[in-house]
Amino acid sequence: MASKVFISPDPNGWKVKVTSNTKASAICGKKYQAIQKGIEIAKRYHAELAVQNRDGRISTKNSYGSDPRRIKG
């Protein structure tokens, strides 16, 4: 089971990689295409999605699995 899906810059565009895999799941020409593919994979694996900017900083994170934290309302 995958724990995280990363979207990161690549010389050929944007790379979508699951942490448990050795190779990228996809290389996309546009960032929004990589994000769409990353969301699809994260939902399938109930994993966290992290999107990097070109400078390497994480711009967004989202969890598509069960969140172990309990929020009191």
N, C-alpha and C. Protein backbone atom coordinates (compact mmCIF):
# COMPACT_ATOMS: atom_id res chain seq x y z
N MET A 1 0.84 -1.17 0.00
CA MET A 1 0.00 0.00 0.00
C MET A 1 0.89 1.24 0.00
N ALA A 2 0.54 2.19 -0.82
CA ALA A 2 1.31 3.43 -0.93
C ALA A 2 1.00 4.36 0.23
N SER A 3 2.02 5.06 0.69
CA SER A 3 1.78 6.02 1.76
C SER A 3 1.66 7.44 1.23
N LYS A 4 2.38 7.75 0.15
CA LYS A 4 2.34 9.09 -0.42
C LYS A 4 2.48 9.04 -1.93
N VAL A 5 1.86 10.03 -2.57
CA VAL A 5 2.01 10.25 -4.00
C VAL A 5 2.61 11.65 -4.14
N PHE A 6 3.72 11.75 -4.85
CA PHE A 6 4.41 13.03 -5.03
C PHE A 6 4.30 13.51 -6.46
N ILE A 7 4.04 14.80 -6.61
CA ILE A 7 4.12 15.49 -7.89
C ILE A 7 5.35 16.38 -7.79
N SER A 8 6.30 16.20 -8.70
CA SER A 8 7.52 16.99 -8.63
C SER A 8 8.00 17.36 -10.03
N PRO A 9 8.78 18.44 -10.14
CA PRO A 9 9.30 18.83 -11.45
C PRO A 9 10.27 17.80 -11.99
N ASP A 10 10.28 17.68 -13.31
CA ASP A 10 11.12 16.71 -14.00
C ASP A 10 11.65 17.41 -15.26
N PRO A 11 12.81 17.05 -15.77
CA PRO A 11 13.29 17.68 -17.00
C PRO A 11 12.31 17.57 -18.18
N ASN A 12 11.47 16.54 -18.16
CA ASN A 12 10.51 16.33 -19.25
C ASN A 12 9.11 16.85 -18.92
N GLY A 13 8.94 17.52 -17.80
CA GLY A 13 7.62 18.04 -17.41
C GLY A 13 7.42 17.89 -15.91
N TRP A 14 6.38 17.13 -15.54
CA TRP A 14 6.05 16.91 -14.12
C TRP A 14 5.92 15.41 -13.87
N LYS A 15 6.56 14.94 -12.80
CA LYS A 15 6.61 13.52 -12.47
C LYS A 15 5.59 13.20 -11.38
N VAL A 16 4.86 12.09 -11.58
CA VAL A 16 3.94 11.56 -10.57
C VAL A 16 4.58 10.28 -10.06
N LYS A 17 4.89 10.22 -8.76
CA LYS A 17 5.58 9.05 -8.21
C LYS A 17 4.95 8.62 -6.90
N VAL A 18 4.72 7.34 -6.78
CA VAL A 18 4.24 6.72 -5.54
C VAL A 18 5.49 6.30 -4.77
N THR A 19 5.52 6.59 -3.45
CA THR A 19 6.74 6.33 -2.68
C THR A 19 7.14 4.86 -2.67
N SER A 20 6.19 3.95 -2.79
CA SER A 20 6.53 2.52 -2.74
C SER A 20 7.06 2.00 -4.09
N ASN A 21 7.02 2.80 -5.15
CA ASN A 21 7.50 2.39 -6.47
C ASN A 21 8.88 2.95 -6.74
N THR A 22 9.65 2.24 -7.56
CA THR A 22 10.98 2.73 -7.92
C THR A 22 10.92 3.67 -9.12
N LYS A 23 9.93 3.48 -10.00
CA LYS A 23 9.79 4.32 -11.19
C LYS A 23 8.60 5.25 -11.04
N ALA A 24 8.61 6.32 -11.81
CA ALA A 24 7.48 7.26 -11.83
C ALA A 24 6.27 6.57 -12.44
N SER A 25 5.10 6.87 -11.90
CA SER A 25 3.85 6.34 -12.44
C SER A 25 3.48 7.04 -13.73
N ALA A 26 3.85 8.32 -13.85
CA ALA A 26 3.54 9.10 -15.05
C ALA A 26 4.46 10.30 -15.14
N ILE A 27 4.70 10.74 -16.38
CA ILE A 27 5.37 12.01 -16.66
C ILE A 27 4.39 12.80 -17.50
N CYS A 28 4.03 13.99 -17.02
CA CYS A 28 3.04 14.82 -17.71
C CYS A 28 3.69 16.13 -18.16
N GLY A 29 3.19 16.67 -19.25
CA GLY A 29 3.73 17.92 -19.79
C GLY A 29 3.34 19.13 -18.98
N LYS A 30 2.17 19.11 -18.39
CA LYS A 30 1.66 20.25 -17.62
C LYS A 30 1.43 19.84 -16.17
N LYS A 31 1.61 20.80 -15.25
CA LYS A 31 1.46 20.53 -13.82
C LYS A 31 0.04 20.09 -13.49
N TYR A 32 -0.97 20.74 -14.09
CA TYR A 32 -2.35 20.38 -13.77
C TYR A 32 -2.68 18.96 -14.21
N GLN A 33 -2.06 18.49 -15.31
CA GLN A 33 -2.26 17.11 -15.75
C GLN A 33 -1.67 16.12 -14.74
N ALA A 34 -0.50 16.46 -14.21
CA ALA A 34 0.14 15.62 -13.21
C ALA A 34 -0.68 15.58 -11.93
N ILE A 35 -1.26 16.73 -11.55
CA ILE A 35 -2.09 16.77 -10.35
C ILE A 35 -3.33 15.91 -10.52
N GLN A 36 -3.97 15.98 -11.69
CA GLN A 36 -5.15 15.14 -11.95
C GLN A 36 -4.80 13.66 -11.85
N LYS A 37 -3.68 13.27 -12.44
CA LYS A 37 -3.24 11.87 -12.38
C LYS A 37 -2.88 11.49 -10.95
N GLY A 38 -2.22 12.39 -10.22
CA GLY A 38 -1.84 12.14 -8.84
C GLY A 38 -3.06 11.95 -7.94
N ILE A 39 -4.10 12.77 -8.15
CA ILE A 39 -5.34 12.62 -7.37
C ILE A 39 -5.97 11.27 -7.64
N GLU A 40 -6.01 10.87 -8.90
CA GLU A 40 -6.57 9.57 -9.28
C GLU A 40 -5.85 8.42 -8.57
N ILE A 41 -4.51 8.48 -8.56
CA ILE A 41 -3.70 7.43 -7.92
C ILE A 41 -3.88 7.48 -6.40
N ALA A 42 -3.86 8.68 -5.81
CA ALA A 42 -4.01 8.82 -4.36
C ALA A 42 -5.36 8.29 -3.88
N LYS A 43 -6.41 8.55 -4.65
CA LYS A 43 -7.72 8.03 -4.29
C LYS A 43 -7.75 6.50 -4.36
N ARG A 44 -7.10 5.94 -5.38
CA ARG A 44 -7.07 4.49 -5.53
C ARG A 44 -6.34 3.81 -4.38
N TYR A 45 -5.23 4.42 -3.93
CA TYR A 45 -4.42 3.83 -2.86
C TYR A 45 -4.77 4.37 -1.47
N HIS A 46 -5.74 5.29 -1.38
CA HIS A 46 -6.09 5.94 -0.11
C HIS A 46 -4.84 6.54 0.52
N ALA A 47 -4.14 7.34 -0.26
CA ALA A 47 -2.84 7.88 0.14
C ALA A 47 -2.87 9.40 0.23
N GLU A 48 -1.77 9.96 0.69
CA GLU A 48 -1.60 11.41 0.75
C GLU A 48 -0.95 11.89 -0.54
N LEU A 49 -1.40 13.03 -1.04
CA LEU A 49 -0.85 13.65 -2.24
C LEU A 49 -0.07 14.89 -1.83
N ALA A 50 1.16 15.01 -2.30
CA ALA A 50 1.98 16.20 -2.04
C ALA A 50 2.45 16.75 -3.39
N VAL A 51 2.24 18.06 -3.58
CA VAL A 51 2.59 18.71 -4.84
C VAL A 51 3.72 19.71 -4.58
N GLN A 52 4.82 19.55 -5.33
CA GLN A 52 5.96 20.44 -5.19
C GLN A 52 5.91 21.53 -6.26
N ASN A 53 6.51 22.69 -5.93
CA ASN A 53 6.75 23.74 -6.91
C ASN A 53 8.09 23.47 -7.59
N ARG A 54 8.44 24.28 -8.56
CA ARG A 54 9.73 24.13 -9.24
C ARG A 54 10.92 24.32 -8.28
N ASP A 55 10.72 25.11 -7.22
CA ASP A 55 11.81 25.34 -6.27
C ASP A 55 11.95 24.22 -5.24
N GLY A 56 11.09 23.18 -5.33
CA GLY A 56 11.18 22.04 -4.44
C GLY A 56 10.32 22.12 -3.19
N ARG A 57 9.71 23.27 -2.94
CA ARG A 57 8.85 23.42 -1.77
C ARG A 57 7.49 22.78 -2.03
N ILE A 58 6.92 22.20 -0.99
CA ILE A 58 5.59 21.61 -1.09
C ILE A 58 4.57 22.74 -1.13
N SER A 59 3.77 22.77 -2.20
CA SER A 59 2.76 23.83 -2.32
C SER A 59 1.43 23.40 -1.74
N THR A 60 1.05 22.14 -1.92
CA THR A 60 -0.21 21.64 -1.36
C THR A 60 -0.06 20.19 -0.95
N LYS A 61 -0.87 19.82 0.03
CA LYS A 61 -0.98 18.43 0.48
C LYS A 61 -2.45 18.13 0.66
N ASN A 62 -2.82 16.89 0.37
CA ASN A 62 -4.20 16.47 0.59
C ASN A 62 -4.19 14.97 0.85
N SER A 63 -5.03 14.54 1.78
CA SER A 63 -5.12 13.13 2.12
C SER A 63 -6.39 12.55 1.51
N TYR A 64 -6.25 11.44 0.83
CA TYR A 64 -7.39 10.75 0.22
C TYR A 64 -7.65 9.41 0.89
N GLY A 65 -7.15 9.27 2.11
CA GLY A 65 -7.36 8.05 2.88
C GLY A 65 -8.01 8.37 4.20
N SER A 66 -8.00 7.41 5.09
CA SER A 66 -8.57 7.65 6.40
C SER A 66 -7.60 8.49 7.21
N ASP A 67 -8.10 9.52 7.83
CA ASP A 67 -7.29 10.42 8.64
C ASP A 67 -7.33 9.92 10.09
N PRO A 68 -6.19 9.54 10.66
CA PRO A 68 -6.19 8.99 12.01
C PRO A 68 -6.48 10.02 13.11
N ARG A 69 -6.38 11.31 12.78
CA ARG A 69 -6.65 12.34 13.79
C ARG A 69 -8.14 12.49 14.00
N ARG A 70 -8.52 12.70 15.23
CA ARG A 70 -9.93 12.94 15.54
C ARG A 70 -10.09 14.42 15.84
N ILE A 71 -10.94 15.07 15.08
CA ILE A 71 -11.18 16.49 15.23
C ILE A 71 -12.42 16.68 16.12
N LYS A 72 -12.26 17.45 17.19
CA LYS A 72 -13.39 17.73 18.07
C LYS A 72 -14.11 18.97 17.57
N GLY A 73 -15.44 18.91 17.53
CA GLY A 73 -16.20 20.04 17.00
C GLY A 73 -16.95 20.81 18.01
